[in-house]
PDB file of all heavy atoms in Angstrom:
ATOM      1  N   MET A   1       0.809  -1.212  -0.023  1.00  0.00           N
ATOM      2  CA  MET A   1       0.008   0.003   0.005  1.00  0.00           C
ATOM      3  C   MET A   1       0.864   1.259  -0.010  1.00  0.00           C
ATOM      4  O   MET A   1       0.563   2.183  -0.709  1.00  0.00           O
ATOM      5  CB  MET A   1      -0.945  -0.003   1.225  1.00  0.00           C
ATOM      6  CG  MET A   1      -2.086  -0.933   1.090  1.00  0.00           C
ATOM      7  SD  MET A   1      -2.974  -1.158   2.646  1.00  0.00           S
ATOM      8  CE  MET A   1      -3.679   0.492   2.835  1.00  0.00           C
ATOM      9  N   ARG A   2       1.926   1.229   0.806  1.00  0.00           N
ATOM     10  CA  ARG A   2       2.829   2.389   0.821  1.00  0.00           C
ATOM     11  C   ARG A   2       3.465   2.624  -0.578  1.00  0.00           C
ATOM     12  O   ARG A   2       3.480   3.700  -1.106  1.00  0.00           O
ATOM     13  CB  ARG A   2       3.902   2.193   1.857  1.00  0.00           C
ATOM     14  CG  ARG A   2       4.796   3.440   1.971  1.00  0.00           C
ATOM     15  CD  ARG A   2       6.243   3.105   2.180  1.00  0.00           C
ATOM     16  NE  ARG A   2       7.090   4.222   1.670  1.00  0.00           N
ATOM     17  CZ  ARG A   2       8.349   4.321   1.913  1.00  0.00           C
ATOM     18  NH1 ARG A   2       8.944   3.452   2.673  1.00  0.00           N
ATOM     19  NH2 ARG A   2       9.057   5.321   1.441  1.00  0.00           N
ATOM     20  N   ASP A   3       3.977   1.530  -1.183  1.00  0.00           N
ATOM     21  CA  ASP A   3       4.573   1.617  -2.508  1.00  0.00           C
ATOM     22  C   ASP A   3       3.569   2.124  -3.541  1.00  0.00           C
ATOM     23  O   ASP A   3       3.903   2.984  -4.346  1.00  0.00           O
ATOM     24  CB  ASP A   3       5.181   0.300  -2.940  1.00  0.00           C
ATOM     25  CG  ASP A   3       6.442  -0.055  -2.156  1.00  0.00           C
ATOM     26  OD1 ASP A   3       7.129   0.868  -1.718  1.00  0.00           O
ATOM     27  OD2 ASP A   3       6.718  -1.273  -2.070  1.00  0.00           O
ATOM     28  N   LEU A   4       2.368   1.557  -3.516  1.00  0.00           N
ATOM     29  CA  LEU A   4       1.340   1.965  -4.541  1.00  0.00           C
ATOM     30  C   LEU A   4       0.929   3.402  -4.353  1.00  0.00           C
ATOM     31  O   LEU A   4       0.717   4.129  -5.343  1.00  0.00           O
ATOM     32  CB  LEU A   4       0.106   1.034  -4.364  1.00  0.00           C
ATOM     33  CG  LEU A   4       0.301  -0.382  -4.891  1.00  0.00           C
ATOM     34  CD1 LEU A   4      -0.916  -1.242  -4.551  1.00  0.00           C
ATOM     35  CD2 LEU A   4       0.560  -0.427  -6.391  1.00  0.00           C
ATOM     36  N   SER A   5       0.791   3.882  -3.101  1.00  0.00           N
ATOM     37  CA  SER A   5       0.393   5.260  -2.870  1.00  0.00           C
ATOM     38  C   SER A   5       1.457   6.227  -3.377  1.00  0.00           C
ATOM     39  O   SER A   5       1.174   7.233  -3.993  1.00  0.00           O
ATOM     40  CB  SER A   5       0.061   5.494  -1.389  1.00  0.00           C
ATOM     41  OG  SER A   5       1.206   5.380  -0.600  1.00  0.00           O
ATOM     42  N   ASP A   6       2.740   5.863  -3.105  1.00  0.00           N
ATOM     43  CA  ASP A   6       3.815   6.697  -3.574  1.00  0.00           C
ATOM     44  C   ASP A   6       3.865   6.764  -5.124  1.00  0.00           C
ATOM     45  O   ASP A   6       3.998   7.841  -5.708  1.00  0.00           O
ATOM     46  CB  ASP A   6       5.188   6.169  -3.043  1.00  0.00           C
ATOM     47  CG  ASP A   6       5.384   6.477  -1.573  1.00  0.00           C
ATOM     48  OD1 ASP A   6       4.580   7.212  -1.016  1.00  0.00           O
ATOM     49  OD2 ASP A   6       6.353   5.959  -0.996  1.00  0.00           O
ATOM     50  N   ILE A   7       3.699   5.582  -5.724  1.00  0.00           N
ATOM     51  CA  ILE A   7       3.751   5.536  -7.189  1.00  0.00           C
ATOM     52  C   ILE A   7       2.523   6.268  -7.777  1.00  0.00           C
ATOM     53  O   ILE A   7       2.692   6.922  -8.859  1.00  0.00           O
ATOM     54  CB  ILE A   7       3.784   4.048  -7.671  1.00  0.00           C
ATOM     55  CG1 ILE A   7       5.136   3.426  -7.269  1.00  0.00           C
ATOM     56  CG2 ILE A   7       3.523   3.926  -9.140  1.00  0.00           C
ATOM     57  CD1 ILE A   7       5.150   1.945  -7.384  1.00  0.00           C
ATOM     58  N   ALA A   8       1.383   6.176  -7.164  1.00  0.00           N
ATOM     59  CA  ALA A   8       0.203   6.840  -7.672  1.00  0.00           C
ATOM     60  C   ALA A   8       0.441   8.335  -7.733  1.00  0.00           C
ATOM     61  O   ALA A   8       0.075   9.007  -8.705  1.00  0.00           O
ATOM     62  CB  ALA A   8      -1.028   6.519  -6.771  1.00  0.00           C
ATOM     63  N   VAL A   9       1.066   8.914  -6.700  1.00  0.00           N
ATOM     64  CA  VAL A   9       1.350  10.346  -6.641  1.00  0.00           C
ATOM     65  C   VAL A   9       2.354  10.721  -7.753  1.00  0.00           C
ATOM     66  O   VAL A   9       2.181  11.704  -8.467  1.00  0.00           O
ATOM     67  CB  VAL A   9       1.850  10.797  -5.300  1.00  0.00           C
ATOM     68  CG1 VAL A   9       2.287  12.261  -5.327  1.00  0.00           C
ATOM     69  CG2 VAL A   9       0.751  10.570  -4.237  1.00  0.00           C
ATOM     70  N   ASP A  10       3.466   9.917  -7.861  1.00  0.00           N
ATOM     71  CA  ASP A  10       4.444  10.173  -8.869  1.00  0.00           C
ATOM     72  C   ASP A  10       3.844  10.146 -10.258  1.00  0.00           C
ATOM     73  O   ASP A  10       4.094  11.058 -11.125  1.00  0.00           O
ATOM     74  CB  ASP A  10       5.566   9.135  -8.773  1.00  0.00           C
ATOM     75  CG  ASP A  10       6.502   9.401  -7.640  1.00  0.00           C
ATOM     76  OD1 ASP A  10       6.567  10.515  -7.140  1.00  0.00           O
ATOM     77  OD2 ASP A  10       7.136   8.404  -7.148  1.00  0.00           O
ATOM     78  N   LEU A  11       3.050   9.120 -10.526  1.00  0.00           N
ATOM     79  CA  LEU A  11       2.452   9.016 -11.913  1.00  0.00           C
ATOM     80  C   LEU A  11       1.379  10.067 -12.097  1.00  0.00           C
ATOM     81  O   LEU A  11       1.207  10.490 -13.271  1.00  0.00           O
ATOM     82  CB  LEU A  11       1.840   7.597 -12.085  1.00  0.00           C
ATOM     83  CG  LEU A  11       2.831   6.496 -12.264  1.00  0.00           C
ATOM     84  CD1 LEU A  11       2.129   5.166 -12.500  1.00  0.00           C
ATOM     85  CD2 LEU A  11       3.828   6.751 -13.392  1.00  0.00           C
ATOM     86  N   ALA A  12       0.693  10.498 -11.067  1.00  0.00           N
ATOM     87  CA  ALA A  12      -0.279  11.539 -11.203  1.00  0.00           C
ATOM     88  C   ALA A  12       0.362  12.841 -11.732  1.00  0.00           C
ATOM     89  O   ALA A  12      -0.095  13.465 -12.670  1.00  0.00           O
ATOM     90  CB  ALA A  12      -1.003  11.804  -9.886  1.00  0.00           C
ATOM     91  N   TYR A  13       1.490  13.231 -11.098  1.00  0.00           N
ATOM     92  CA  TYR A  13       2.235  14.424 -11.546  1.00  0.00           C
ATOM     93  C   TYR A  13       2.799  14.177 -12.935  1.00  0.00           C
ATOM     94  O   TYR A  13       2.818  15.068 -13.788  1.00  0.00           O
ATOM     95  CB  TYR A  13       3.343  14.762 -10.598  1.00  0.00           C
ATOM     96  CG  TYR A  13       2.867  15.495  -9.365  1.00  0.00           C
ATOM     97  CD1 TYR A  13       2.933  14.882  -8.114  1.00  0.00           C
ATOM     98  CD2 TYR A  13       2.284  16.770  -9.448  1.00  0.00           C
ATOM     99  CE1 TYR A  13       2.478  15.545  -6.977  1.00  0.00           C
ATOM    100  CE2 TYR A  13       1.796  17.406  -8.321  1.00  0.00           C
ATOM    101  CZ  TYR A  13       1.918  16.812  -7.089  1.00  0.00           C
ATOM    102  OH  TYR A  13       1.486  17.479  -5.951  1.00  0.00           O
ATOM    103  N   SER A  14       3.196  12.945 -13.233  1.00  0.00           N
ATOM    104  CA  SER A  14       3.705  12.573 -14.533  1.00  0.00           C
ATOM    105  C   SER A  14       2.681  12.757 -15.604  1.00  0.00           C
ATOM    106  O   SER A  14       2.942  13.237 -16.706  1.00  0.00           O
ATOM    107  CB  SER A  14       4.245  11.130 -14.545  1.00  0.00           C
ATOM    108  OG  SER A  14       4.709  10.742 -15.816  1.00  0.00           O
ATOM    109  N   SER A  15       1.426  12.374 -15.276  1.00  0.00           N
ATOM    110  CA  SER A  15       0.362  12.467 -16.291  1.00  0.00           C
ATOM    111  C   SER A  15       0.113  13.925 -16.656  1.00  0.00           C
ATOM    112  O   SER A  15      -0.220  14.297 -17.792  1.00  0.00           O
ATOM    113  CB  SER A  15      -0.940  11.880 -15.739  1.00  0.00           C
ATOM    114  OG  SER A  15      -1.443  12.611 -14.664  1.00  0.00           O
ATOM    115  N   LEU A  16       0.260  14.829 -15.690  1.00  0.00           N
ATOM    116  CA  LEU A  16       0.132  16.270 -15.893  1.00  0.00           C
ATOM    117  C   LEU A  16       1.293  16.767 -16.772  1.00  0.00           C
ATOM    118  O   LEU A  16       1.062  17.526 -17.719  1.00  0.00           O
ATOM    119  CB  LEU A  16       0.105  17.017 -14.611  1.00  0.00           C
ATOM    120  CG  LEU A  16      -1.189  16.996 -13.818  1.00  0.00           C
ATOM    121  CD1 LEU A  16      -0.969  17.548 -12.399  1.00  0.00           C
ATOM    122  CD2 LEU A  16      -2.287  17.764 -14.532  1.00  0.00           C
ATOM    123  N   MET A  17       2.493  16.364 -16.443  1.00  0.00           N
ATOM    124  CA  MET A  17       3.645  16.830 -17.135  1.00  0.00           C
ATOM    125  C   MET A  17       3.720  16.359 -18.595  1.00  0.00           C
ATOM    126  O   MET A  17       4.137  17.080 -19.479  1.00  0.00           O
ATOM    127  CB  MET A  17       4.935  16.425 -16.380  1.00  0.00           C
ATOM    128  CG  MET A  17       5.052  16.991 -14.983  1.00  0.00           C
ATOM    129  SD  MET A  17       6.216  16.159 -13.928  1.00  0.00           S
ATOM    130  CE  MET A  17       7.732  16.958 -14.528  1.00  0.00           C
ATOM    131  N   LEU A  18       3.234  15.110 -18.783  1.00  0.00           N
ATOM    132  CA  LEU A  18       3.253  14.556 -20.079  1.00  0.00           C
ATOM    133  C   LEU A  18       1.924  14.865 -20.863  1.00  0.00           C
ATOM    134  O   LEU A  18       1.841  14.631 -22.070  1.00  0.00           O
ATOM    135  CB  LEU A  18       3.394  13.060 -20.043  1.00  0.00           C
ATOM    136  CG  LEU A  18       4.704  12.508 -19.412  1.00  0.00           C
ATOM    137  CD1 LEU A  18       4.634  11.038 -19.167  1.00  0.00           C
ATOM    138  CD2 LEU A  18       5.896  12.823 -20.332  1.00  0.00           C
ATOM    139  N   GLY A  19       0.937  15.372 -20.126  1.00  0.00           N
ATOM    140  CA  GLY A  19      -0.359  15.585 -20.748  1.00  0.00           C
ATOM    141  C   GLY A  19      -0.980  14.271 -21.239  1.00  0.00           C
ATOM    142  O   GLY A  19      -1.625  14.181 -22.282  1.00  0.00           O
ATOM    143  N   SER A  20      -0.685  13.196 -20.473  1.00  0.00           N
ATOM    144  CA  SER A  20      -1.039  11.848 -20.914  1.00  0.00           C
ATOM    145  C   SER A  20      -2.247  11.285 -20.193  1.00  0.00           C
ATOM    146  O   SER A  20      -2.192  11.033 -18.980  1.00  0.00           O
ATOM    147  CB  SER A  20       0.178  10.945 -20.744  1.00  0.00           C
ATOM    148  OG  SER A  20      -0.166   9.608 -20.991  1.00  0.00           O
ATOM    149  N   THR A  21      -3.367  11.050 -20.911  1.00  0.00           N
ATOM    150  CA  THR A  21      -4.504  10.367 -20.333  1.00  0.00           C
ATOM    151  C   THR A  21      -4.173   8.920 -20.062  1.00  0.00           C
ATOM    152  O   THR A  21      -4.727   8.324 -19.194  1.00  0.00           O
ATOM    153  CB  THR A  21      -5.686  10.493 -21.262  1.00  0.00           C
ATOM    154  OG1 THR A  21      -5.379   9.983 -22.571  1.00  0.00           O
ATOM    155  CG2 THR A  21      -6.181  11.890 -21.392  1.00  0.00           C
ATOM    156  N   GLU A  22      -3.238   8.383 -20.869  1.00  0.00           N
ATOM    157  CA  GLU A  22      -2.852   6.980 -20.688  1.00  0.00           C
ATOM    158  C   GLU A  22      -2.194   6.762 -19.347  1.00  0.00           C
ATOM    159  O   GLU A  22      -2.545   5.851 -18.613  1.00  0.00           O
ATOM    160  CB  GLU A  22      -1.860   6.585 -21.778  1.00  0.00           C
ATOM    161  CG  GLU A  22      -1.468   5.091 -21.794  1.00  0.00           C
ATOM    162  CD  GLU A  22      -0.532   4.789 -22.960  1.00  0.00           C
ATOM    163  OE1 GLU A  22       0.273   5.633 -23.283  1.00  0.00           O
ATOM    164  OE2 GLU A  22      -0.608   3.660 -23.417  1.00  0.00           O
ATOM    165  N   VAL A  23      -1.280   7.658 -18.959  1.00  0.00           N
ATOM    166  CA  VAL A  23      -0.640   7.550 -17.678  1.00  0.00           C
ATOM    167  C   VAL A  23      -1.642   7.862 -16.550  1.00  0.00           C
ATOM    168  O   VAL A  23      -1.636   7.194 -15.522  1.00  0.00           O
ATOM    169  CB  VAL A  23       0.523   8.557 -17.532  1.00  0.00           C
ATOM    170  CG1 VAL A  23       1.138   8.534 -16.145  1.00  0.00           C
ATOM    171  CG2 VAL A  23       1.610   8.201 -18.597  1.00  0.00           C
ATOM    172  N   ALA A  24      -2.574   8.740 -16.836  1.00  0.00           N
ATOM    173  CA  ALA A  24      -3.654   9.051 -15.818  1.00  0.00           C
ATOM    174  C   ALA A  24      -4.500   7.823 -15.601  1.00  0.00           C
ATOM    175  O   ALA A  24      -4.861   7.554 -14.442  1.00  0.00           O
ATOM    176  CB  ALA A  24      -4.500  10.183 -16.343  1.00  0.00           C
ATOM    177  N   GLU A  25      -4.789   7.057 -16.636  1.00  0.00           N
ATOM    178  CA  GLU A  25      -5.593   5.813 -16.468  1.00  0.00           C
ATOM    179  C   GLU A  25      -4.781   4.798 -15.649  1.00  0.00           C
ATOM    180  O   GLU A  25      -5.372   4.010 -14.910  1.00  0.00           O
ATOM    181  CB  GLU A  25      -5.966   5.247 -17.844  1.00  0.00           C
ATOM    182  CG  GLU A  25      -6.966   6.105 -18.618  1.00  0.00           C
ATOM    183  CD  GLU A  25      -8.330   6.148 -17.905  1.00  0.00           C
ATOM    184  OE1 GLU A  25      -8.582   5.363 -17.004  1.00  0.00           O
ATOM    185  OE2 GLU A  25      -9.135   7.009 -18.334  1.00  0.00           O
ATOM    186  N   GLU A  26      -3.467   4.785 -15.804  1.00  0.00           N
ATOM    187  CA  GLU A  26      -2.631   3.907 -15.003  1.00  0.00           C
ATOM    188  C   GLU A  26      -2.803   4.194 -13.516  1.00  0.00           C
ATOM    189  O   GLU A  26      -2.819   3.294 -12.670  1.00  0.00           O
ATOM    190  CB  GLU A  26      -1.142   4.058 -15.417  1.00  0.00           C
ATOM    191  CG  GLU A  26      -0.799   3.425 -16.778  1.00  0.00           C
ATOM    192  CD  GLU A  26       0.638   3.695 -17.127  1.00  0.00           C
ATOM    193  OE1 GLU A  26       1.449   4.007 -16.265  1.00  0.00           O
ATOM    194  OE2 GLU A  26       0.990   3.535 -18.321  1.00  0.00           O
ATOM    195  N   VAL A  27      -2.902   5.491 -13.188  1.00  0.00           N
ATOM    196  CA  VAL A  27      -3.097   5.871 -11.786  1.00  0.00           C
ATOM    197  C   VAL A  27      -4.393   5.305 -11.291  1.00  0.00           C
ATOM    198  O   VAL A  27      -4.514   4.811 -10.143  1.00  0.00           O
ATOM    199  CB  VAL A  27      -3.076   7.408 -11.660  1.00  0.00           C
ATOM    200  CG1 VAL A  27      -3.426   7.832 -10.204  1.00  0.00           C
ATOM    201  CG2 VAL A  27      -1.698   7.973 -12.024  1.00  0.00           C
ATOM    202  N   ARG A  28      -5.446   5.355 -12.140  1.00  0.00           N
ATOM    203  CA  ARG A  28      -6.764   4.791 -11.760  1.00  0.00           C
ATOM    204  C   ARG A  28      -6.652   3.302 -11.505  1.00  0.00           C
ATOM    205  O   ARG A  28      -7.262   2.748 -10.538  1.00  0.00           O
ATOM    206  CB  ARG A  28      -7.787   5.070 -12.852  1.00  0.00           C
ATOM    207  CG  ARG A  28      -8.210   6.581 -12.968  1.00  0.00           C
ATOM    208  CD  ARG A  28      -9.222   6.881 -11.918  1.00  0.00           C
ATOM    209  NE  ARG A  28      -9.454   8.299 -11.730  1.00  0.00           N
ATOM    210  CZ  ARG A  28     -10.321   9.061 -12.370  1.00  0.00           C
ATOM    211  NH1 ARG A  28     -11.088   8.517 -13.288  1.00  0.00           N
ATOM    212  NH2 ARG A  28     -10.452  10.373 -12.071  1.00  0.00           N
ATOM    213  N   GLU A  29      -5.802   2.609 -12.302  1.00  0.00           N
ATOM    214  CA  GLU A  29      -5.632   1.172 -12.111  1.00  0.00           C
ATOM    215  C   GLU A  29      -4.854   0.920 -10.854  1.00  0.00           C
ATOM    216  O   GLU A  29      -5.176  -0.073 -10.091  1.00  0.00           O
ATOM    217  CB  GLU A  29      -4.846   0.607 -13.344  1.00  0.00           C
ATOM    218  CG  GLU A  29      -5.622   0.612 -14.650  1.00  0.00           C
ATOM    219  CD  GLU A  29      -4.734   0.171 -15.803  1.00  0.00           C
ATOM    220  OE1 GLU A  29      -3.606  -0.349 -15.570  1.00  0.00           O
ATOM    221  OE2 GLU A  29      -5.185   0.292 -16.970  1.00  0.00           O
ATOM    222  N   ILE A  30      -3.915   1.764 -10.523  1.00  0.00           N
ATOM    223  CA  ILE A  30      -3.120   1.604  -9.307  1.00  0.00           C
ATOM    224  C   ILE A  30      -4.040   1.864  -8.077  1.00  0.00           C
ATOM    225  O   ILE A  30      -3.956   1.133  -7.070  1.00  0.00           O
ATOM    226  CB  ILE A  30      -1.944   2.592  -9.248  1.00  0.00           C
ATOM    227  CG1 ILE A  30      -0.887   2.150 -10.275  1.00  0.00           C
ATOM    228  CG2 ILE A  30      -1.334   2.688  -7.895  1.00  0.00           C
ATOM    229  CD1 ILE A  30       0.212   3.133 -10.510  1.00  0.00           C
ATOM    230  N   GLU A  31      -4.922   2.805  -8.224  1.00  0.00           N
ATOM    231  CA  GLU A  31      -5.883   3.085  -7.131  1.00  0.00           C
ATOM    232  C   GLU A  31      -6.779   1.854  -6.842  1.00  0.00           C
ATOM    233  O   GLU A  31      -7.044   1.496  -5.728  1.00  0.00           O
ATOM    234  CB  GLU A  31      -6.758   4.279  -7.433  1.00  0.00           C
ATOM    235  CG  GLU A  31      -7.616   4.705  -6.236  1.00  0.00           C
ATOM    236  CD  GLU A  31      -8.658   5.744  -6.557  1.00  0.00           C
ATOM    237  OE1 GLU A  31      -9.038   5.860  -7.774  1.00  0.00           O
ATOM    238  OE2 GLU A  31      -9.120   6.438  -5.675  1.00  0.00           O
ATOM    239  N   GLU A  32      -7.183   1.195  -7.937  1.00  0.00           N
ATOM    240  CA  GLU A  32      -7.985  -0.006  -7.762  1.00  0.00           C
ATOM    241  C   GLU A  32      -7.204  -1.096  -7.081  1.00  0.00           C
ATOM    242  O   GLU A  32      -7.745  -1.793  -6.174  1.00  0.00           O
ATOM    243  CB  GLU A  32      -8.488  -0.539  -9.152  1.00  0.00           C
ATOM    244  CG  GLU A  32      -9.527   0.363  -9.818  1.00  0.00           C
ATOM    245  CD  GLU A  32      -9.946  -0.143 -11.159  1.00  0.00           C
ATOM    246  OE1 GLU A  32      -9.571  -1.279 -11.511  1.00  0.00           O
ATOM    247  OE2 GLU A  32     -10.629   0.550 -11.882  1.00  0.00           O
ATOM    248  N   ALA A  33      -5.966  -1.303  -7.425  1.00  0.00           N
ATOM    249  CA  ALA A  33      -5.126  -2.281  -6.766  1.00  0.00           C
ATOM    250  C   ALA A  33      -4.854  -1.912  -5.303  1.00  0.00           C
ATOM    251  O   ALA A  33      -4.929  -2.765  -4.407  1.00  0.00           O
ATOM    252  CB  ALA A  33      -3.769  -2.355  -7.484  1.00  0.00           C
ATOM    253  N   PHE A  34      -4.684  -0.608  -5.094  1.00  0.00           N
ATOM    254  CA  PHE A  34      -4.507  -0.143  -3.687  1.00  0.00           C
ATOM    255  C   PHE A  34      -5.755  -0.447  -2.873  1.00  0.00           C
ATOM    256  O   PHE A  34      -5.696  -0.955  -1.723  1.00  0.00           O
ATOM    257  CB  PHE A  34      -4.256   1.381  -3.675  1.00  0.00           C
ATOM    258  CG  PHE A  34      -4.180   1.975  -2.264  1.00  0.00           C
ATOM    259  CD1 PHE A  34      -2.970   2.084  -1.642  1.00  0.00           C
ATOM    260  CD2 PHE A  34      -5.363   2.389  -1.625  1.00  0.00           C
ATOM    261  CE1 PHE A  34      -2.866   2.599  -0.366  1.00  0.00           C
ATOM    262  CE2 PHE A  34      -5.282   2.894  -0.313  1.00  0.00           C
ATOM    263  CZ  PHE A  34      -4.033   3.007   0.290  1.00  0.00           C
ATOM    264  N   ASN A  35      -6.938  -0.216  -3.442  1.00  0.00           N
ATOM    265  CA  ASN A  35      -8.171  -0.424  -2.708  1.00  0.00           C
ATOM    266  C   ASN A  35      -8.355  -1.885  -2.277  1.00  0.00           C
ATOM    267  O   ASN A  35      -8.913  -2.185  -1.183  1.00  0.00           O
ATOM    268  CB  ASN A  35      -9.410   0.028  -3.550  1.00  0.00           C
ATOM    269  CG  ASN A  35      -9.480   1.513  -3.683  1.00  0.00           C
ATOM    270  OD1 ASN A  35      -8.922   2.300  -2.838  1.00  0.00           O
ATOM    271  ND2 ASN A  35     -10.123   2.037  -4.707  1.00  0.00           N
ATOM    272  N   LYS A  36      -7.877  -2.807  -3.118  1.00  0.00           N
ATOM    273  CA  LYS A  36      -7.970  -4.211  -2.767  1.00  0.00           C
ATOM    274  C   LYS A  36      -7.093  -4.528  -1.554  1.00  0.00           C
ATOM    275  O   LYS A  36      -7.506  -5.272  -0.654  1.00  0.00           O
ATOM    276  CB  LYS A  36      -7.559  -5.069  -3.986  1.00  0.00           C
ATOM    277  CG  LYS A  36      -8.551  -5.046  -5.135  1.00  0.00           C
ATOM    278  CD  LYS A  36      -8.100  -5.822  -6.316  1.00  0.00           C
ATOM    279  CE  LYS A  36      -9.024  -5.738  -7.485  1.00  0.00           C
ATOM    280  NZ  LYS A  36      -8.575  -6.481  -8.703  1.00  0.00           N
ATOM    281  N   PHE A  37      -5.848  -4.007  -1.591  1.00  0.00           N
ATOM    282  CA  PHE A  37      -4.971  -4.195  -0.437  1.00  0.00           C
ATOM    283  C   PHE A  37      -5.522  -3.505   0.810  1.00  0.00           C
ATOM    284  O   PHE A  37      -5.429  -4.030   1.937  1.00  0.00           O
ATOM    285  CB  PHE A  37      -3.557  -3.641  -0.744  1.00  0.00           C
ATOM    286  CG  PHE A  37      -2.757  -4.556  -1.609  1.00  0.00           C
ATOM    287  CD1 PHE A  37      -2.491  -4.204  -2.944  1.00  0.00           C
ATOM    288  CD2 PHE A  37      -2.238  -5.765  -1.111  1.00  0.00           C
ATOM    289  CE1 PHE A  37      -1.748  -5.081  -3.702  1.00  0.00           C
ATOM    290  CE2 PHE A  37      -1.448  -6.629  -1.861  1.00  0.00           C
ATOM    291  CZ  PHE A  37      -1.206  -6.238  -3.236  1.00  0.00           C
ATOM    292  N   ASN A  38      -6.142  -2.369   0.605  1.00  0.00           N
ATOM    293  CA  ASN A  38      -6.725  -1.579   1.735  1.00  0.00           C
ATOM    294  C   ASN A  38      -7.855  -2.387   2.356  1.00  0.00           C
ATOM    295  O   ASN A  38      -7.896  -2.517   3.629  1.00  0.00           O
ATOM    296  CB  ASN A  38      -7.263  -0.290   1.206  1.00  0.00           C
ATOM    297  CG  ASN A  38      -7.659   0.686   2.365  1.00  0.00           C
ATOM    298  OD1 ASN A  38      -7.118   0.605   3.465  1.00  0.00           O
ATOM    299  ND2 ASN A  38      -8.596   1.555   2.086  1.00  0.00           N
ATOM    300  N   TYR A  39      -8.702  -2.961   1.545  1.00  0.00           N
ATOM    301  CA  TYR A  39      -9.802  -3.764   2.069  1.00  0.00           C
ATOM    302  C   TYR A  39      -9.279  -4.977   2.858  1.00  0.00           C
ATOM    303  O   TYR A  39      -9.739  -5.260   3.952  1.00  0.00           O
ATOM    304  CB  TYR A  39     -10.710  -4.278   0.939  1.00  0.00           C
ATOM    305  CG  TYR A  39     -11.720  -5.333   1.348  1.00  0.00           C
ATOM    306  CD1 TYR A  39     -12.938  -4.958   1.924  1.00  0.00           C
ATOM    307  CD2 TYR A  39     -11.461  -6.664   1.139  1.00  0.00           C
ATOM    308  CE1 TYR A  39     -13.822  -5.916   2.333  1.00  0.00           C
ATOM    309  CE2 TYR A  39     -12.384  -7.673   1.544  1.00  0.00           C
ATOM    310  CZ  TYR A  39     -13.534  -7.279   2.109  1.00  0.00           C
ATOM    311  OH  TYR A  39     -14.439  -8.233   2.533  1.00  0.00           O
ATOM    312  N   GLN A  40      -8.253  -5.652   2.297  1.00  0.00           N
ATOM    313  CA  GLN A  40      -7.714  -6.839   2.945  1.00  0.00           C
ATOM    314  C   GLN A  40      -7.000  -6.461   4.258  1.00  0.00           C
ATOM    315  O   GLN A  40      -7.030  -7.199   5.223  1.00  0.00           O
ATOM    316  CB  GLN A  40      -6.739  -7.557   1.983  1.00  0.00           C
ATOM    317  CG  GLN A  40      -6.401  -8.942   2.392  1.00  0.00           C
ATOM    318  CD  GLN A  40      -7.628  -9.883   2.437  1.00  0.00           C
ATOM    319  OE1 GLN A  40      -8.451  -9.866   1.514  1.00  0.00           O
ATOM    320  NE2 GLN A  40      -7.767 -10.619   3.555  1.00  0.00           N
ATOM    321  N   THR A  41      -6.371  -5.297   4.261  1.00  0.00           N
ATOM    322  CA  THR A  41      -5.663  -4.854   5.477  1.00  0.00           C
ATOM    323  C   THR A  41      -6.636  -4.622   6.607  1.00  0.00           C
ATOM    324  O   THR A  41      -6.406  -5.031   7.753  1.00  0.00           O
ATOM    325  CB  THR A  41      -4.884  -3.547   5.183  1.00  0.00           C
ATOM    326  OG1 THR A  41      -3.796  -3.806   4.261  1.00  0.00           O
ATOM    327  CG2 THR A  41      -4.286  -2.950   6.479  1.00  0.00           C
ATOM    328  N   TRP A  42      -7.751  -3.958   6.299  1.00  0.00           N
ATOM    329  CA  TRP A  42      -8.770  -3.742   7.359  1.00  0.00           C
ATOM    330  C   TRP A  42      -9.336  -5.076   7.806  1.00  0.00           C
ATOM    331  O   TRP A  42      -9.479  -5.288   9.029  1.00  0.00           O
ATOM    332  CB  TRP A  42      -9.931  -2.884   6.788  1.00  0.00           C
ATOM    333  CG  TRP A  42      -9.635  -1.407   6.766  1.00  0.00           C
ATOM    334  CD1 TRP A  42      -8.797  -0.759   5.940  1.00  0.00           C
ATOM    335  CD2 TRP A  42     -10.166  -0.477   7.706  1.00  0.00           C
ATOM    336  NE1 TRP A  42      -8.801   0.605   6.283  1.00  0.00           N
ATOM    337  CE2 TRP A  42      -9.605   0.789   7.345  1.00  0.00           C
ATOM    338  CE3 TRP A  42     -11.075  -0.534   8.773  1.00  0.00           C
ATOM    339  CZ2 TRP A  42      -9.897   1.942   8.043  1.00  0.00           C
ATOM    340  CZ3 TRP A  42     -11.386   0.646   9.442  1.00  0.00           C
ATOM    341  CH2 TRP A  42     -10.811   1.848   9.055  1.00  0.00           C
TER     342      TRP A  42
END
């Protein structure tokens, strides 16, 4: 979860810098993966 949250922030800024919707969608995918780990952690 820590690694995914860090990467999500990095890629979020990357999507802005690149103007890339593709990278932005990757962040959404990472968020989905994070949510699964979050549910399991709770």
